[in-house]
PDB file of N, CA and C in Angstrom:
ATOM      1  N   MET A   1       0.744  -1.423   0.001  1.00  0.00           N
ATOM      2  CA  MET A   1      -0.149   0.383   0.035  1.00  0.00           C
ATOM      3  C   MET A   1       1.181   1.257  -0.004  1.00  0.00           C
ATOM      4  N   ILE A   2       0.565   1.967  -0.647  1.00  0.00           N
ATOM      5  CA  ILE A   2       1.580   3.201  -0.990  1.00  0.00           C
ATOM      6  C   ILE A   2       0.720   4.589  -0.090  1.00  0.00           C
ATOM      7  N   LEU A   3       1.171   5.375   0.658  1.00  0.00           N
ATOM      8  CA  LEU A   3       0.839   6.412   1.699  1.00  0.00           C
ATOM      9  C   LEU A   3       1.142   7.401   1.184  1.00  0.00           C
ATOM     10  N   SER A   4       0.720   8.823   1.357  1.00  0.00           N
ATOM     11  CA  SER A   4       0.786   9.637   1.106  1.00  0.00           C
ATOM     12  C   SER A   4       2.491  10.417   2.283  1.00  0.00           C
ATOM     13  N   PRO A   5       3.095  11.341   1.388  1.00  0.00           N
ATOM     14  CA  PRO A   5       3.767  11.453   2.307  1.00  0.00           C
ATOM     15  C   PRO A   5       3.156  12.228   3.878  1.00  0.00           C
ATOM     16  N   VAL A   6       2.337  13.065   3.921  1.00  0.00           N
ATOM     17  CA  VAL A   6       2.023  13.381   5.183  1.00  0.00           C
ATOM     18  C   VAL A   6       1.222  12.528   6.438  1.00  0.00           C
ATOM     19  N   LEU A   7       0.669  10.885   5.501  1.00  0.00           N
ATOM     20  CA  LEU A   7       0.513   9.889   6.365  1.00  0.00           C
ATOM     21  C   LEU A   7       1.073   8.956   6.855  1.00  0.00           C
ATOM     22  N   SER A   8       2.268   9.302   6.205  1.00  0.00           N
ATOM     23  CA  SER A   8       3.861   8.557   6.439  1.00  0.00           C
ATOM     24  C   SER A   8       4.360   9.038   7.624  1.00  0.00           C
ATOM     25  N   VAL A   9       4.638  10.338   7.580  1.00  0.00           N
ATOM     26  CA  VAL A   9       5.147  10.864   8.640  1.00  0.00           C
ATOM     27  C   VAL A   9       4.483  11.137  10.125  1.00  0.00           C
ATOM     28  N   ALA A  10       2.888  11.120   9.846  1.00  0.00           N
ATOM     29  CA  ALA A  10       2.310  11.102  11.039  1.00  0.00           C
ATOM     30  C   ALA A  10       2.158   9.720  11.452  1.00  0.00           C
ATOM     31  N   LEU A  11       2.148   8.699  10.870  1.00  0.00           N
ATOM     32  CA  LEU A  11       2.480   7.177  11.721  1.00  0.00           C
ATOM     33  C   LEU A  11       3.525   7.130  12.002  1.00  0.00           C
ATOM     34  N   THR A  12       4.661   7.703  11.932  1.00  0.00           N
ATOM     35  CA  THR A  12       5.872   7.421  12.179  1.00  0.00           C
ATOM     36  C   THR A  12       5.781   8.139  13.246  1.00  0.00           C
ATOM     37  N   PHE A  13       5.176   9.829  13.679  1.00  0.00           N
ATOM     38  CA  PHE A  13       5.256  10.263  15.248  1.00  0.00           C
ATOM     39  C   PHE A  13       4.552   9.342  15.897  1.00  0.00           C
ATOM     40  N   ALA A  14       3.260   9.135  15.546  1.00  0.00           N
ATOM     41  CA  ALA A  14       2.344   8.145  16.002  1.00  0.00           C
ATOM     42  C   ALA A  14       3.157   7.479  16.939  1.00  0.00           C
ATOM     43  N   LEU A  15       4.104   6.203  16.205  1.00  0.00           N
ATOM     44  CA  LEU A  15       4.267   5.079  16.281  1.00  0.00           C
ATOM     45  C   LEU A  15       5.310   5.170  17.460  1.00  0.00           C
ATOM     46  N   GLY A  16       6.516   6.527  17.069  1.00  0.00           N
ATOM     47  CA  GLY A  16       7.418   7.291  18.061  1.00  0.00           C
ATOM     48  C   GLY A  16       6.657   7.190  19.385  1.00  0.00           C
ATOM     49  N   CYS A  17       6.028   8.356  19.657  1.00  0.00           N
ATOM     50  CA  CYS A  17       4.948   8.768  20.963  1.00  0.00           C
ATOM     51  C   CYS A  17       4.680   6.979  21.278  1.00  0.00           C
ATOM     52  N   PHE A  18       3.966   5.872  20.811  1.00  0.00           N
ATOM     53  CA  PHE A  18       3.600   4.713  21.848  1.00  0.00           C
ATOM     54  C   PHE A  18       4.698   4.412  22.019  1.00  0.00           C
ATOM     55  N   ALA A  19       5.799   4.293  21.293  1.00  0.00           N
ATOM     56  CA  ALA A  19       6.597   3.462  22.074  1.00  0.00           C
ATOM     57  C   ALA A  19       7.503   4.105  22.886  1.00  0.00           C
ATOM     58  N   LEU A  20       7.425   5.599  22.753  1.00  0.00           N
ATOM     59  CA  LEU A  20       8.081   6.290  24.070  1.00  0.00           C
ATOM     60  C   LEU A  20       6.951   5.977  25.252  1.00  0.00           C
ATOM     61  N   ALA A  21       5.878   6.076  25.195  1.00  0.00           N
ATOM     62  CA  ALA A  21       4.767   5.656  26.530  1.00  0.00           C
ATOM     63  C   ALA A  21       4.860   4.384  26.825  1.00  0.00           C
ATOM     64  N   LEU A  22       5.353   3.234  26.213  1.00  0.00           N
ATOM     65  CA  LEU A  22       5.884   2.046  26.109  1.00  0.00           C
ATOM     66  C   LEU A  22       7.307   1.988  27.598  1.00  0.00           C
ATOM     67  N   VAL A  23       8.210   2.445  26.588  1.00  0.00           N
ATOM     68  CA  VAL A  23       9.152   2.842  28.047  1.00  0.00           C
ATOM     69  C   VAL A  23       9.013   3.925  29.160  1.00  0.00           C
ATOM     70  N   LEU A  24       8.216   4.313  28.753  1.00  0.00           N
ATOM     71  CA  LEU A  24       7.557   5.399  30.111  1.00  0.00           C
ATOM     72  C   LEU A  24       7.465   4.342  31.098  1.00  0.00           C
ATOM     73  N   ASN A  25       5.877   3.553  30.757  1.00  0.00           N
ATOM     74  CA  ASN A  25       5.426   2.954  31.574  1.00  0.00           C
ATOM     75  C   ASN A  25       6.327   1.644  32.109  1.00  0.00           C
ATOM     76  N   LEU A  26       7.218   1.232  31.306  1.00  0.00           N
ATOM     77  CA  LEU A  26       8.019   0.275  31.440  1.00  0.00           C
ATOM     78  C   LEU A  26       8.819   0.948  33.281  1.00  0.00           C
ATOM     79  N   VAL A  27       9.132   1.928  33.049  1.00  0.00           N
ATOM     80  CA  VAL A  27      10.113   2.858  33.723  1.00  0.00           C
ATOM     81  C   VAL A  27       8.760   3.029  35.333  1.00  0.00           C
ATOM     82  N   ARG A  28       7.820   2.663  35.226  1.00  0.00           N
ATOM     83  CA  ARG A  28       6.599   3.103  35.816  1.00  0.00           C
ATOM     84  C   ARG A  28       6.688   1.920  36.673  1.00  0.00           C
ATOM     85  N   LEU A  29       6.461   0.863  36.109  1.00  0.00           N
ATOM     86  CA  LEU A  29       6.197  -0.451  36.095  1.00  0.00           C
ATOM     87  C   LEU A  29       7.293  -1.037  37.218  1.00  0.00           C
ATOM     88  N   PHE A  30       8.192  -0.877  37.235  1.00  0.00           N
ATOM     89  CA  PHE A  30       9.493  -0.778  38.115  1.00  0.00           C
ATOM     90  C   PHE A  30       9.754  -0.284  39.537  1.00  0.00           C
ATOM     91  N   THR A  31       9.102   1.637  39.318  1.00  0.00           N
ATOM     92  CA  THR A  31       9.060   2.419  40.525  1.00  0.00           C
ATOM     93  C   THR A  31       7.824   2.243  40.921  1.00  0.00           C
ATOM     94  N   ALA A  32       6.661   1.797  40.866  1.00  0.00           N
ATOM     95  CA  ALA A  32       5.477   1.995  41.071  1.00  0.00           C
ATOM     96  C   ALA A  32       5.300   1.311  42.824  1.00  0.00           C
ATOM     97  N   PRO A  33       5.007   2.122  43.951  1.00  0.00           N
ATOM     98  CA  PRO A  33       5.108   1.662  44.797  1.00  0.00           C
ATOM     99  C   PRO A  33       4.366   0.737  45.620  1.00  0.00           C
ATOM    100  N   THR A  34       2.569   0.523  44.733  1.00  0.00           N
ATOM    101  CA  THR A  34       1.905  -0.653  45.266  1.00  0.00           C
ATOM    102  C   THR A  34       1.450  -1.243  44.220  1.00  0.00           C
ATOM    103  N   LEU A  35       0.999  -2.734  44.616  1.00  0.00           N
ATOM    104  CA  LEU A  35       0.484  -3.850  43.604  1.00  0.00           C
ATOM    105  C   LEU A  35      -0.191  -3.035  42.706  1.00  0.00           C
ATOM    106  N   THR A  36      -1.329  -2.182  43.269  1.00  0.00           N
ATOM    107  CA  THR A  36      -2.428  -1.411  42.491  1.00  0.00           C
ATOM    108  C   THR A  36      -2.184  -0.401  40.985  1.00  0.00           C
ATOM    109  N   ASP A  37      -0.811  -0.094  41.492  1.00  0.00           N
ATOM    110  CA  ASP A  37      -0.070   0.876  40.148  1.00  0.00           C
ATOM    111  C   ASP A  37       0.377   0.189  39.117  1.00  0.00           C
ATOM    112  N   ARG A  38       0.715  -1.039  40.079  1.00  0.00           N
ATOM    113  CA  ARG A  38       1.484  -1.461  38.955  1.00  0.00           C
ATOM    114  C   ARG A  38       0.492  -2.756  38.007  1.00  0.00           C
ATOM    115  N   ILE A  39      -0.362  -2.692  38.386  1.00  0.00           N
ATOM    116  CA  ILE A  39      -1.624  -3.532  37.329  1.00  0.00           C
ATOM    117  C   ILE A  39      -2.494  -2.447  36.792  1.00  0.00           C
ATOM    118  N   LEU A  40      -2.301  -1.012  37.055  1.00  0.00           N
ATOM    119  CA  LEU A  40      -2.921   0.133  36.498  1.00  0.00           C
ATOM    120  C   LEU A  40      -1.598   0.320  34.982  1.00  0.00           C
ATOM    121  N   THR A  41      -0.475   0.245  35.424  1.00  0.00           N
ATOM    122  CA  THR A  41       0.797   0.393  34.488  1.00  0.00           C
ATOM    123  C   THR A  41       0.363  -0.887  33.476  1.00  0.00           C
ATOM    124  N   VAL A  42       0.343  -2.079  34.010  1.00  0.00           N
ATOM    125  CA  VAL A  42       0.432  -3.173  33.349  1.00  0.00           C
ATOM    126  C   VAL A  42      -1.319  -2.785  31.740  1.00  0.00           C
ATOM    127  N   ASP A  43      -2.238  -2.430  32.395  1.00  0.00           N
ATOM    128  CA  ASP A  43      -3.016  -2.486  31.584  1.00  0.00           C
ATOM    129  C   ASP A  43      -2.692  -1.187  30.751  1.00  0.00           C
ATOM    130  N   THR A  44      -2.134  -0.220  31.005  1.00  0.00           N
ATOM    131  CA  THR A  44      -1.949   0.625  30.146  1.00  0.00           C
ATOM    132  C   THR A  44      -0.973   0.530  29.114  1.00  0.00           C
ATOM    133  N   MET A  45       0.097  -0.177  29.552  1.00  0.00           N
ATOM    134  CA  MET A  45       0.869  -0.944  28.436  1.00  0.00           C
ATOM    135  C   MET A  45       0.033  -1.654  27.470  1.00  0.00           C
ATOM    136  N   THR A  46      -0.939  -2.253  28.008  1.00  0.00           N
ATOM    137  CA  THR A  46      -1.724  -3.238  26.708  1.00  0.00           C
ATOM    138  C   THR A  46      -2.155  -2.925  25.562  1.00  0.00           C
ATOM    139  N   VAL A  47      -2.756  -1.318  26.486  1.00  0.00           N
ATOM    140  CA  VAL A  47      -3.242  -0.210  25.462  1.00  0.00           C
ATOM    141  C   VAL A  47      -2.540   0.192  24.446  1.00  0.00           C
ATOM    142  N   ASN A  48      -1.256   0.526  25.257  1.00  0.00           N
ATOM    143  CA  ASN A  48      -0.426   1.276  24.183  1.00  0.00           C
ATOM    144  C   ASN A  48       0.517   0.073  23.160  1.00  0.00           C
ATOM    145  N   THR A  49       0.277  -0.882  23.380  1.00  0.00           N
ATOM    146  CA  THR A  49       0.704  -2.257  22.739  1.00  0.00           C
ATOM    147  C   THR A  49      -0.254  -2.231  21.366  1.00  0.00           C
ATOM    148  N   ILE A  50      -1.619  -2.545  21.960  1.00  0.00           N
ATOM    149  CA  ILE A  50      -2.850  -2.485  21.092  1.00  0.00           C
ATOM    150  C   ILE A  50      -2.818  -1.485  19.870  1.00  0.00           C
ATOM    151  N   ALA A  51      -2.571   0.037  20.426  1.00  0.00           N
ATOM    152  CA  ALA A  51      -2.252   1.004  19.924  1.00  0.00           C
ATOM    153  C   ALA A  51      -1.034   0.973  18.382  1.00  0.00           C
ATOM    154  N   LEU A  52      -0.034   0.275  19.111  1.00  0.00           N
ATOM    155  CA  LEU A  52       1.366   0.285  17.757  1.00  0.00           C
ATOM    156  C   LEU A  52       0.913  -1.131  17.148  1.00  0.00           C
ATOM    157  N   ILE A  53       0.033  -2.324  17.329  1.00  0.00           N
ATOM    158  CA  ILE A  53      -0.515  -3.086  16.637  1.00  0.00           C
ATOM    159  C   ILE A  53      -1.325  -2.378  15.502  1.00  0.00           C
ATOM    160  N   VAL A  54      -1.951  -1.940  15.904  1.00  0.00           N
ATOM    161  CA  VAL A  54      -3.104  -0.675  14.630  1.00  0.00           C
ATOM    162  C   VAL A  54      -2.597   0.009  14.111  1.00  0.00           C
ATOM    163  N   LEU A  55      -1.500   0.905  14.470  1.00  0.00           N
ATOM    164  CA  LEU A  55      -0.597   1.742  13.451  1.00  0.00           C
ATOM    165  C   LEU A  55       0.100   0.689  12.270  1.00  0.00           C
ATOM    166  N   LEU A  56       1.011  -0.015  13.631  1.00  0.00           N
ATOM    167  CA  LEU A  56       1.628  -0.884  12.250  1.00  0.00           C
ATOM    168  C   LEU A  56       0.951  -1.348  11.194  1.00  0.00           C
ATOM    169  N   GLY A  57      -0.095  -2.270  11.674  1.00  0.00           N
ATOM    170  CA  GLY A  57      -1.144  -2.555  10.666  1.00  0.00           C
ATOM    171  C   GLY A  57      -1.868  -1.615   9.662  1.00  0.00           C
ATOM    172  N   LEU A  58      -1.923  -0.597  10.099  1.00  0.00           N
ATOM    173  CA  LEU A  58      -2.280   1.350   9.267  1.00  0.00           C
ATOM    174  C   LEU A  58      -0.839   1.042   7.813  1.00  0.00           C
ATOM    175  N   ARG A  59       0.131   1.150   8.732  1.00  0.00           N
ATOM    176  CA  ARG A  59       1.672   1.235   7.966  1.00  0.00           C
ATOM    177  C   ARG A  59       1.965   0.142   6.582  1.00  0.00           C
ATOM    178  N   THR A  60       1.595  -1.153   7.296  1.00  0.00           N
ATOM    179  CA  THR A  60       1.479  -2.338   6.118  1.00  0.00           C
ATOM    180  C   THR A  60       0.286  -2.553   5.179  1.00  0.00           C
ATOM    181  N   GLY A  61      -0.529  -1.788   5.615  1.00  0.00           N
ATOM    182  CA  GLY A  61      -1.948  -2.248   5.494  1.00  0.00           C
ATOM    183  C   GLY A  61      -2.148  -3.603   5.266  1.00  0.00           C
ATOM    184  N   SER A  62      -1.891  -4.370   6.533  1.00  0.00           N
ATOM    185  CA  SER A  62      -2.182  -5.551   6.829  1.00  0.00           C
ATOM    186  C   SER A  62      -3.995  -5.595   7.668  1.00  0.00           C
ATOM    187  N   ALA A  63      -4.855  -6.373   7.037  1.00  0.00           N
ATOM    188  CA  ALA A  63      -6.512  -6.240   8.018  1.00  0.00           C
ATOM    189  C   ALA A  63      -6.201  -7.416   8.728  1.00  0.00           C
ATOM    190  N   LEU A  64      -5.540  -8.299   8.892  1.00  0.00           N
ATOM    191  CA  LEU A  64      -4.650  -9.209   9.635  1.00  0.00           C
ATOM    192  C   LEU A  64      -4.429  -8.461  11.387  1.00  0.00           C
ATOM    193  N   SER A  65      -3.629  -7.331  11.172  1.00  0.00           N
ATOM    194  CA  SER A  65      -3.516  -6.369  12.921  1.00  0.00           C
ATOM    195  C   SER A  65      -4.453  -6.601  13.124  1.00  0.00           C
ATOM    196  N   VAL A  66      -5.593  -6.001  12.632  1.00  0.00           N
ATOM    197  CA  VAL A  66      -7.041  -5.625  13.635  1.00  0.00           C
ATOM    198  C   VAL A  66      -7.091  -6.653  14.401  1.00  0.00           C
ATOM    199  N   GLU A  67      -6.847  -8.326  13.823  1.00  0.00           N
ATOM    200  CA  GLU A  67      -7.994  -9.051  14.575  1.00  0.00           C
ATOM    201  C   GLU A  67      -6.821  -9.453  15.640  1.00  0.00           C
ATOM    202  N   ILE A  68      -5.093  -9.254  15.655  1.00  0.00           N
ATOM    203  CA  ILE A  68      -4.350  -9.231  16.357  1.00  0.00           C
ATOM    204  C   ILE A  68      -4.409  -8.700  17.520  1.00  0.00           C
ATOM    205  N   ALA A  69      -4.725  -6.828  17.420  1.00  0.00           N
ATOM    206  CA  ALA A  69      -5.079  -6.177  18.119  1.00  0.00           C
ATOM    207  C   ALA A  69      -6.179  -6.693  19.551  1.00  0.00           C
ATOM    208  N   LEU A  70      -7.072  -7.187  18.523  1.00  0.00           N
ATOM    209  CA  LEU A  70      -8.906  -7.228  19.135  1.00  0.00           C
ATOM    210  C   LEU A  70      -8.112  -8.663  20.365  1.00  0.00           C
ATOM    211  N   LEU A  71      -7.836  -9.784  19.641  1.00  0.00           N
ATOM    212  CA  LEU A  71      -7.334 -10.770  20.424  1.00  0.00           C
ATOM    213  C   LEU A  71      -6.653 -10.290  21.631  1.00  0.00           C
ATOM    214  N   PHE A  72      -5.825  -9.459  21.458  1.00  0.00           N
ATOM    215  CA  PHE A  72      -4.753  -8.823  22.446  1.00  0.00           C
ATOM    216  C   PHE A  72      -5.430  -8.128  23.323  1.00  0.00           C
ATOM    217  N   ALA A  73      -6.797  -7.170  22.907  1.00  0.00           N
ATOM    218  CA  ALA A  73      -7.368  -6.425  24.079  1.00  0.00           C
ATOM    219  C   ALA A  73      -8.615  -7.538  24.903  1.00  0.00           C
ATOM    220  N   LEU A  74      -9.338  -8.211  24.526  1.00  0.00           N
ATOM    221  CA  LEU A  74      -9.607  -9.291  25.239  1.00  0.00           C
ATOM    222  C   LEU A  74      -8.889 -10.008  26.419  1.00  0.00           C
ATOM    223  N   THR A  75      -7.453 -10.337  25.758  1.00  0.00           N
ATOM    224  CA  THR A  75      -6.275 -11.153  27.106  1.00  0.00           C
ATOM    225  C   THR A  75      -6.105  -9.968  27.832  1.00  0.00           C
ATOM    226  N   GLY A  76      -5.650  -8.775  27.441  1.00  0.00           N
ATOM    227  CA  GLY A  76      -5.578  -7.668  28.182  1.00  0.00           C
ATOM    228  C   GLY A  76      -6.685  -7.407  29.023  1.00  0.00           C
ATOM    229  N   PHE A  77      -8.040  -7.450  28.653  1.00  0.00           N
ATOM    230  CA  PHE A  77      -8.970  -7.121  29.604  1.00  0.00           C
ATOM    231  C   PHE A  77      -9.507  -8.235  30.203  1.00  0.00           C
ATOM    232  N   VAL A  78      -9.446  -9.605  30.595  1.00  0.00           N
ATOM    233  CA  VAL A  78      -9.681 -10.328  30.798  1.00  0.00           C
ATOM    234  C   VAL A  78      -8.458 -10.536  32.066  1.00  0.00           C
ATOM    235  N   SER A  79      -6.764 -10.179  31.815  1.00  0.00           N
ATOM    236  CA  SER A  79      -5.906 -10.571  32.975  1.00  0.00           C
ATOM    237  C   SER A  79      -6.044  -9.500  33.756  1.00  0.00           C
ATOM    238  N   THR A  80      -6.375  -8.192  33.290  1.00  0.00           N
ATOM    239  CA  THR A  80      -6.491  -7.214  34.653  1.00  0.00           C
ATOM    240  C   THR A  80      -7.767  -7.169  35.365  1.00  0.00           C
ATOM    241  N   VAL A  81      -8.653  -8.060  34.954  1.00  0.00           N
ATOM    242  CA  VAL A  81      -9.771  -8.121  35.901  1.00  0.00           C
ATOM    243  C   VAL A  81      -9.615  -9.349  36.790  1.00  0.00           C
ATOM    244  N   ALA A  82      -8.832 -10.754  35.933  1.00  0.00           N
ATOM    245  CA  ALA A  82      -8.036 -11.474  37.146  1.00  0.00           C
ATOM    246  C   ALA A  82      -6.953 -10.605  37.757  1.00  0.00           C
ATOM    247  N   PHE A  83      -6.407  -9.942  37.925  1.00  0.00           N
ATOM    248  CA  PHE A  83      -5.237  -9.113  38.814  1.00  0.00           C
ATOM    249  C   PHE A  83      -6.301  -8.719  40.015  1.00  0.00           C
ATOM    250  N   CYS A  84      -7.246  -7.734  39.154  1.00  0.00           N
ATOM    251  CA  CYS A  84      -7.793  -6.569  40.343  1.00  0.00           C
ATOM    252  C   CYS A  84      -8.857  -8.238  41.402  1.00  0.00           C
ATOM    253  N   LYS A  85      -9.263  -9.064  40.626  1.00  0.00           N
ATOM    254  CA  LYS A  85     -10.207 -10.278  42.062  1.00  0.00           C
ATOM    255  C   LYS A  85      -9.250 -10.496  42.326  1.00  0.00           C
ATOM    256  N   TYR A  86      -8.224 -11.131  42.152  1.00  0.00           N
ATOM    257  CA  TYR A  86      -7.045 -11.601  42.941  1.00  0.00           C
ATOM    258  C   TYR A  86      -6.562 -10.513  44.549  1.00  0.00           C
ATOM    259  N   LEU A  87      -6.716  -9.386  43.688  1.00  0.00           N
ATOM    260  CA  LEU A  87      -6.128  -8.004  44.496  1.00  0.00           C
ATOM    261  C   LEU A  87      -7.282  -7.978  45.511  1.00  0.00           C
ATOM    262  N   LEU A  88      -8.269  -7.925  45.576  1.00  0.00           N
ATOM    263  CA  LEU A  88      -9.373  -7.837  46.102  1.00  0.00           C
ATOM    264  C   LEU A  88      -9.880  -8.975  47.420  1.00  0.00           C
ATOM    265  N   ARG A  89     -10.025  -9.844  46.238  1.00  0.00           N
ATOM    266  CA  ARG A  89     -10.268 -11.338  47.216  1.00  0.00           C
ATOM    267  C   ARG A  89      -8.822 -12.122  47.775  1.00  0.00           C
ATOM    268  N   GLY A  90      -8.184 -12.157  46.982  1.00  0.00           N
ATOM    269  CA  GLY A  90      -7.063 -13.479  47.496  1.00  0.00           C
ATOM    270  C   GLY A  90      -6.944 -14.695  46.583  1.00  0.00           C
ATOM    271  N   CYS A  91      -8.414 -14.875  45.286  1.00  0.00           N
ATOM    272  CA  CYS A  91      -8.495 -15.434  44.575  1.00  0.00           C
ATOM    273  C   CYS A  91      -9.106 -15.259  43.805  1.00  0.00           C
ATOM    274  N   ILE A  92      -8.749 -15.959  42.382  1.00  0.00           N
ATOM    275  CA  ILE A  92      -9.103 -15.612  41.239  1.00  0.00           C
ATOM    276  C   ILE A  92     -10.727 -16.527  40.972  1.00  0.00           C
ATOM    277  N   ILE A  93     -10.597 -18.105  41.060  1.00  0.00           N
ATOM    278  CA  ILE A  93     -11.657 -18.892  41.156  1.00  0.00           C
ATOM    279  C   ILE A  93     -12.483 -19.189  42.510  1.00  0.00           C
ATOM    280  N   GLU A  94     -14.081 -18.735  42.792  1.00  0.00           N
ATOM    281  CA  GLU A  94     -14.151 -19.175  43.972  1.00  0.00           C
ATOM    282  C   GLU A  94     -14.924 -20.548  43.461  1.00  0.00           C
TER     283      GLU A  94
END
């Protein structure tokens, strides 16, 4: 797929911003004072990774990346709910 120069620059800028956000989230993951902060950081990293997958799909013109991003979003949601339930109750399966 041929992209216009403006769209190519915009995608490159967006990819750089989300990559920087992932690096900053990684720093926050190691410096977070509580477990709740770490769970929120992992959830934010999941959202940033989904955005990177979608942007890379736009750049390459692949429709498969949307399905990959959807599966990653579902997995991230379930894992966040499981972490929070474990944090509140001490067990996941009752």
